[in-house]
Protein backbone atom coordinates (compact mmCIF):
# COMPACT_ATOMS: atom_id res chain seq x y z
CA MET A 1 4.01 -11.08 30.20
CA ARG A 2 2.23 -9.53 27.30
CA ARG A 3 4.45 -11.28 24.91
CA ALA A 4 3.63 -14.83 26.41
CA CYS A 5 0.18 -13.89 27.02
CA VAL A 6 -0.34 -13.45 23.06
CA MET A 7 1.69 -16.18 22.22
CA ALA A 8 -0.55 -18.57 24.73
CA LEU A 9 -3.91 -17.33 22.86
CA VAL A 10 -1.82 -17.84 19.36
CA LEU A 11 -1.42 -21.29 20.17
CA SER A 12 -4.65 -22.13 21.51
CA VAL A 13 -6.07 -20.61 17.93
CA ALA A 14 -3.53 -23.00 16.08
CA ALA A 15 -4.65 -25.69 18.23
CA TRP A 16 -8.15 -25.19 17.40
CA VAL A 17 -7.54 -24.64 13.92
CA ALA A 18 -5.36 -27.68 13.76
CA GLY A 19 -8.38 -29.82 15.58
CA CYS A 20 -10.93 -28.41 13.17
CA GLY A 21 -9.35 -28.69 9.92
CA GLU A 22 -9.61 -26.19 6.68
CA PRO A 23 -12.43 -26.84 4.18
CA ASN A 24 -11.53 -27.83 0.75
CA PRO A 25 -14.24 -27.48 -1.70
CA GLY A 26 -13.86 -29.56 -4.79
CA ALA A 27 -10.92 -31.74 -3.85
CA GLY A 28 -10.69 -35.25 -4.04
CA GLY A 29 -13.80 -36.07 -6.30
CA GLN A 30 -14.18 -39.67 -5.27
CA PRO A 31 -14.55 -41.79 -1.93
CA GLY A 32 -11.07 -43.09 -0.54
CA GLU A 33 -8.96 -40.71 -2.99
CA PRO A 34 -6.49 -38.50 -1.08
CA LYS A 35 -7.92 -34.72 -0.81
CA ALA A 36 -5.23 -32.23 -2.25
CA LYS A 37 -3.66 -29.80 0.58
CA VAL A 38 -5.56 -26.53 0.77
CA ARG A 39 -2.94 -24.01 1.34
CA VAL A 40 -3.35 -21.35 3.88
CA ILE A 41 -2.05 -17.98 2.94
CA GLY A 42 -1.99 -15.42 5.87
CA ALA A 43 -2.13 -11.64 4.96
CA ALA A 44 -1.29 -8.79 7.35
CA LEU A 45 -2.23 -5.68 5.88
CA LEU A 46 -1.69 -2.09 6.61
CA THR A 47 -5.36 -1.17 6.74
CA GLN A 48 -8.83 -1.66 5.54
CA THR A 49 -10.32 1.62 5.62
CA HIS A 50 -8.43 3.00 2.32
CA VAL A 51 -10.43 2.07 -0.81
CA PHE A 52 -7.01 1.12 -2.46
CA TYR A 53 -6.32 -2.01 0.12
CA GLN A 54 -10.32 -2.83 -0.26
CA ASP A 55 -9.65 -2.85 -3.97
CA MET A 56 -6.43 -5.12 -3.70
CA VAL A 57 -8.00 -7.47 -1.13
CA ALA A 58 -10.97 -8.20 -3.44
CA ALA A 59 -8.55 -9.14 -6.30
CA MET A 60 -6.60 -11.25 -3.85
CA GLN A 61 -10.04 -13.08 -2.46
CA GLU A 62 -10.82 -13.77 -6.35
CA GLU A 63 -7.81 -15.35 -7.50
CA ALA A 64 -7.17 -17.23 -3.93
CA ALA A 65 -10.66 -18.84 -5.15
CA LYS A 66 -8.67 -19.83 -8.32
CA GLU A 67 -5.96 -21.05 -7.06
CA GLY A 68 -7.92 -23.05 -4.28
CA PHE A 69 -5.92 -21.19 -1.59
CA THR A 70 -7.68 -20.27 1.98
CA LEU A 71 -6.94 -16.56 2.57
CA ARG A 72 -6.70 -15.38 6.52
CA LEU A 73 -6.98 -11.32 6.43
CA GLN A 74 -5.52 -9.40 9.47
CA TYR A 75 -5.28 -5.41 9.39
CA ALA A 76 -2.76 -3.44 11.16
CA GLU A 77 -4.55 -0.26 11.14
CA PHE A 78 -1.12 1.89 10.99
CA ASP A 79 -0.03 0.04 14.33
CA SER A 80 3.32 -1.93 14.00
CA ARG A 81 3.16 -3.76 17.12
CA ARG A 82 -0.37 -4.95 16.23
CA GLN A 83 0.97 -6.27 12.96
CA ASN A 84 4.16 -8.17 14.44
CA ASP A 85 1.50 -9.94 16.75
CA GLN A 86 -0.53 -10.85 13.45
CA MET A 87 3.14 -12.17 12.10
CA GLU A 88 3.57 -14.15 15.19
CA MET A 89 0.59 -15.46 14.78
CA PHE A 90 0.45 -16.87 11.23
CA VAL A 91 3.86 -18.45 12.33
CA ALA A 92 2.33 -20.29 15.20
CA GLN A 93 -0.76 -21.41 13.06
CA GLY A 94 1.92 -22.69 10.87
CA VAL A 95 0.07 -20.81 7.67
CA ASP A 96 1.73 -22.10 4.20
CA ALA A 97 2.48 -18.29 2.98
CA ILE A 98 2.37 -15.15 4.27
CA VAL A 99 1.36 -11.55 2.41
CA LEU A 100 2.50 -8.71 4.00
CA ALA A 101 1.97 -4.99 3.68
CA PRO A 102 4.36 -3.31 6.35
CA VAL A 103 3.41 -0.41 8.27
CA ASP A 104 6.76 -0.02 9.18
CA SER A 105 9.23 -1.03 6.45
CA SER A 106 12.51 -1.42 8.65
CA GLY A 107 10.77 -2.59 11.88
CA VAL A 108 8.92 -5.35 10.20
CA THR A 109 12.41 -7.23 9.54
CA PRO A 110 12.63 -9.58 12.60
CA VAL A 111 9.11 -11.11 12.19
CA VAL A 112 9.64 -11.41 9.06
CA ALA A 113 12.91 -13.67 9.72
CA GLU A 114 10.86 -15.41 12.07
CA ALA A 115 8.62 -16.48 9.84
CA ARG A 116 11.31 -17.66 7.21
CA LYS A 117 13.08 -19.70 10.23
CA ALA A 118 9.70 -21.38 10.56
CA GLY A 119 10.11 -22.34 6.66
CA ILE A 120 6.91 -20.06 5.70
CA PRO A 121 7.49 -17.86 2.88
CA VAL A 122 7.02 -14.33 3.08
CA PHE A 123 5.45 -12.10 -0.06
CA THR A 124 5.27 -8.15 0.37
CA ALA A 125 2.64 -6.36 -1.59
CA ASP A 126 2.48 -2.64 -2.26
CA ILE A 127 4.89 -1.93 0.53
CA ALA A 128 8.20 -3.49 0.56
CA ALA A 129 10.40 -4.42 4.11
CA HIS A 130 13.82 -3.22 4.05
CA GLY A 131 16.35 -5.67 4.23
CA ALA A 132 14.00 -8.74 4.96
CA ASP A 133 14.06 -11.89 3.13
CA VAL A 134 11.09 -12.19 1.30
CA VAL A 135 10.38 -14.36 -1.92
CA SER A 136 9.21 -11.47 -4.15
CA HIS A 137 7.76 -8.16 -3.55
CA ILE A 138 4.82 -6.80 -5.74
CA ALA A 139 3.96 -3.53 -6.04
CA SER A 140 3.41 -0.08 -8.41
CA ASP A 141 6.43 1.11 -9.55
CA ASN A 142 6.59 4.04 -7.19
CA PHE A 143 9.69 5.64 -8.16
CA LYS A 144 8.17 5.87 -11.82
CA GLY A 145 5.08 7.22 -10.42
CA GLY A 146 6.17 10.04 -8.67
CA GLU A 147 8.63 11.19 -11.21
CA ILE A 148 5.69 11.09 -13.88
CA LEU A 149 3.70 12.97 -11.44
CA GLY A 150 6.86 15.57 -10.66
CA GLU A 151 7.18 16.00 -14.51
CA TYR A 152 3.58 16.48 -15.13
CA LEU A 153 3.55 19.28 -12.44
CA ALA A 154 6.51 20.81 -13.85
CA LYS A 155 5.03 21.22 -17.12
CA LEU A 156 1.47 22.44 -15.50
CA THR A 157 3.48 25.32 -13.81
CA ASN A 158 5.55 26.22 -16.32
CA GLY A 159 8.71 24.84 -14.19
CA LYS A 160 8.06 27.27 -11.51
CA ALA A 161 6.41 26.58 -7.89
CA THR A 162 6.85 26.52 -4.42
CA VAL A 163 5.85 22.84 -3.46
CA ALA A 164 5.13 21.14 -0.10
CA ILE A 165 4.79 17.10 0.81
CA ILE A 166 2.78 15.77 3.14
CA ASP A 167 4.67 12.82 3.60
CA HIS A 168 4.53 9.12 5.44
CA PRO A 169 8.17 8.14 5.49
CA THR A 170 8.12 5.04 7.75
CA ALA A 171 6.72 3.46 4.29
CA GLU A 172 8.98 2.43 1.76
CA SER A 173 6.30 2.69 -1.18
CA VAL A 174 6.12 6.30 -0.21
CA GLN A 175 9.83 6.96 -0.10
CA GLN A 176 10.18 5.77 -3.66
CA ARG A 177 7.44 7.77 -4.88
CA THR A 178 8.81 10.72 -3.19
CA ALA A 179 12.05 10.26 -4.38
CA GLY A 180 10.70 9.93 -7.81
CA PHE A 181 8.86 13.17 -7.25
CA VAL A 182 11.97 15.13 -6.13
CA LYS A 183 14.26 13.83 -8.76
CA ALA A 184 11.73 15.36 -11.61
CA LEU A 185 11.22 18.45 -9.51
CA GLU A 186 15.24 18.57 -9.14
CA GLN A 187 15.50 19.35 -13.03
CA HIS A 188 13.76 22.63 -12.92
CA ALA A 189 15.78 25.40 -10.99
CA ASP A 190 12.48 27.23 -9.85
CA MET A 191 10.44 24.25 -8.67
CA LYS A 192 11.35 24.40 -4.70
CA ILE A 193 10.25 22.09 -2.06
CA VAL A 194 9.77 24.05 0.91
CA GLN A 195 8.68 21.60 3.41
CA ARG A 196 7.73 17.90 4.10
CA VAL A 197 5.39 17.05 7.02
CA PRO A 198 3.97 13.65 7.90
CA GLY A 199 0.88 12.89 7.66
CA GLU A 200 0.89 9.16 8.20
CA GLY A 201 -1.25 8.51 5.03
CA GLN A 202 -4.34 9.29 6.68
CA ARG A 203 -7.05 12.02 5.80
CA ASP A 204 -7.31 13.70 9.24
CA LYS A 205 -3.91 14.21 9.90
CA ALA A 206 -3.21 15.54 6.40
CA PHE A 207 -5.70 17.91 6.71
CA LYS A 208 -3.85 19.29 9.89
CA ALA A 209 -0.97 19.15 8.15
CA ALA A 210 -2.22 21.09 5.51
CA GLN A 211 -3.45 23.66 7.85
CA ASP A 212 -0.13 24.14 9.40
CA LEU A 213 1.62 24.20 5.67
CA ILE A 214 -0.60 26.97 4.53
CA GLN A 215 -0.36 28.95 7.62
CA ALA A 216 3.85 28.41 7.64
CA ASN A 217 4.11 29.30 3.81
CA PRO A 218 1.96 32.24 2.57
CA ASN A 219 3.45 31.99 -0.74
CA LEU A 220 2.84 28.07 -1.18
CA ASP A 221 1.49 27.03 -4.70
CA VAL A 222 1.38 23.30 -4.47
CA ILE A 223 0.79 20.44 -2.09
CA PHE A 224 1.77 16.73 -3.06
CA GLY A 225 -0.14 14.09 -0.88
CA ILE A 226 1.41 10.73 -1.39
CA ASN A 227 -1.67 9.04 -1.44
CA ASP A 228 -5.49 10.31 -2.05
CA ASP A 229 -6.31 10.19 1.75
CA SER A 230 -3.58 13.04 2.09
CA ALA A 231 -4.33 14.97 -1.47
CA LEU A 232 -8.09 15.06 -0.16
CA GLY A 233 -7.24 16.22 3.10
CA ALA A 234 -4.92 18.77 1.90
CA LEU A 235 -8.21 19.81 -0.76
CA ALA A 236 -10.49 20.13 2.40
CA ALA A 237 -7.86 22.43 3.92
CA VAL A 238 -7.15 24.42 0.61
CA GLU A 239 -11.08 24.99 0.19
CA GLU A 240 -11.66 25.88 3.89
CA ALA A 241 -8.98 28.50 3.45
CA GLY A 242 -10.58 29.85 0.43
CA LEU A 243 -7.06 28.82 -1.63
CA GLN A 244 -8.96 26.67 -3.94
CA ASP A 245 -8.38 28.79 -7.12
CA LYS A 246 -4.48 29.78 -6.13
CA MET A 247 -3.57 26.36 -4.82
CA ILE A 248 -2.45 23.04 -6.67
CA ILE A 249 -2.69 19.63 -5.45
CA VAL A 250 -1.47 16.49 -6.90
CA GLY A 251 -2.01 13.17 -5.15
CA TYR A 252 -1.50 9.45 -5.68
CA ASP A 253 -3.45 6.17 -6.25
CA GLY A 254 -6.24 7.58 -8.25
CA THR A 255 -9.45 6.59 -5.77
CA PRO A 256 -13.22 6.92 -7.30
CA GLU A 257 -13.38 9.99 -4.58
CA ALA A 258 -9.93 11.52 -6.08
CA ARG A 259 -11.42 11.54 -9.82
CA ASP A 260 -14.52 12.92 -8.75
CA ALA A 261 -12.56 15.74 -7.47
CA ILE A 262 -10.24 16.18 -10.24
CA ARG A 263 -13.01 15.74 -12.53
CA ARG A 264 -15.35 18.73 -11.29
CA GLY A 265 -12.02 20.90 -11.47
CA SER A 266 -11.14 21.26 -7.99
CA ALA A 267 -7.69 22.18 -6.69
CA LEU A 268 -6.82 18.73 -6.67
CA LYS A 269 -5.37 18.59 -10.54
CA ALA A 270 -3.67 15.22 -11.04
CA ASP A 271 -3.34 11.88 -9.47
CA THR A 272 -0.54 8.94 -10.18
CA VAL A 273 -2.91 6.03 -10.65
CA GLN A 274 -2.22 2.75 -9.26
CA PHE A 275 -3.77 -0.46 -10.12
CA PRO A 276 -4.70 -2.20 -6.51
CA LYS A 277 -6.54 -4.91 -8.15
CA GLU A 278 -3.68 -6.09 -10.02
CA ILE A 279 -1.42 -6.00 -7.37
CA GLY A 280 -3.63 -8.09 -5.32
CA ARG A 281 -4.09 -10.65 -8.08
CA THR A 282 -0.46 -10.73 -9.24
CA THR A 283 0.35 -10.97 -5.57
CA ILE A 284 -1.77 -14.65 -4.97
CA GLU A 285 -0.63 -15.89 -8.65
CA THR A 286 2.91 -15.28 -7.97
CA ILE A 287 2.18 -17.45 -4.50
CA GLY A 288 0.58 -20.09 -6.80
CA LYS A 289 3.61 -20.04 -9.12
CA TYR A 290 6.17 -20.49 -6.13
CA PHE A 291 4.17 -23.35 -4.96
CA ARG A 292 4.03 -24.87 -8.02
CA GLY A 293 7.91 -24.81 -8.31
CA GLU A 294 7.96 -22.16 -11.05
CA SER A 295 10.81 -19.56 -10.78
CA VAL A 296 9.42 -16.05 -9.48
CA PRO A 297 10.99 -12.90 -9.55
CA PRO A 298 12.50 -11.00 -6.57
CA VAL A 299 10.19 -7.60 -7.53
CA VAL A 300 7.16 -7.67 -9.90
CA PRO A 301 6.33 -4.42 -10.85
CA VAL A 302 3.14 -2.94 -11.68
CA LYS A 303 2.32 -0.01 -14.35
CA VAL A 304 1.15 3.48 -13.36
CA GLU A 305 0.23 6.46 -15.02
CA VAL A 306 -0.96 10.28 -14.68
CA ILE A 307 -4.50 11.22 -14.58
CA ASP A 308 -5.77 14.70 -14.87
CA GLN A 309 -9.13 16.10 -15.76
CA ALA A 310 -8.74 15.91 -19.65
CA ALA A 311 -7.81 12.14 -19.49
CA LEU A 312 -10.93 11.42 -16.91
CA GLU A 313 -13.29 13.36 -19.95
CA ARG A 314 -11.65 11.28 -22.78
């Protein structure tokens, strides 16, 4: 019943859109000339609460304007069911392409298949969709990012530490970065991962997870937060416990708030930096190439690097 109601609403919206048409600034300069089709790109993204996604979307909007695309944005806010509904809405509207940053990398596969059956190309940005038929995946090289962060940590601790991870295992990008991190630590016999707990990439949940980690592991030396909200949530818990001079936190993203925490010499010592604006720009650029009939690769990696206090002071 719920699905029928959703689809009825979607179809009514699609009918309204079809009746109203799409704006087409700058196309068809002379009276009587046919106007070029404006491509409509639907984007079903993980969240709009993270600075990372805000920066990525800003770049997507800027590049879409250059390409002459209309960009329709939807945010799932970590709700996979909501995201599936958004995908179905885009299919019913008949958008020209979909950009997807999945909440659940495995669970989204059926709705991607629906879009492809309808002839709509799907591109994933930041987070991949397991086993899904997408044209191209544009994202940071997350495995490399986790690996270089693990190598940095091993050097910082002289190859000896007890480590916990505040994880988010349903996101493919996180699976890649933790795999790289673990691989780096495995090269050092005295770097021990004692616990991995879910934080869902959200600060309040990471704060509670870090509190539990501290209580359960009195000899804990390091917490790896899989994104900056996780790292900053852990930092708040460490500072509340008065352990800021005894513990090390490392994170992932390089948001302004995390950079400030690193710069002031807090327990957050380093971050793998992503470049979300580059991901957003490259995603729309890749769609443009696809529509122009150019060959696009199945994976487009975007560079990553580690920053610490010394790097930020240079």
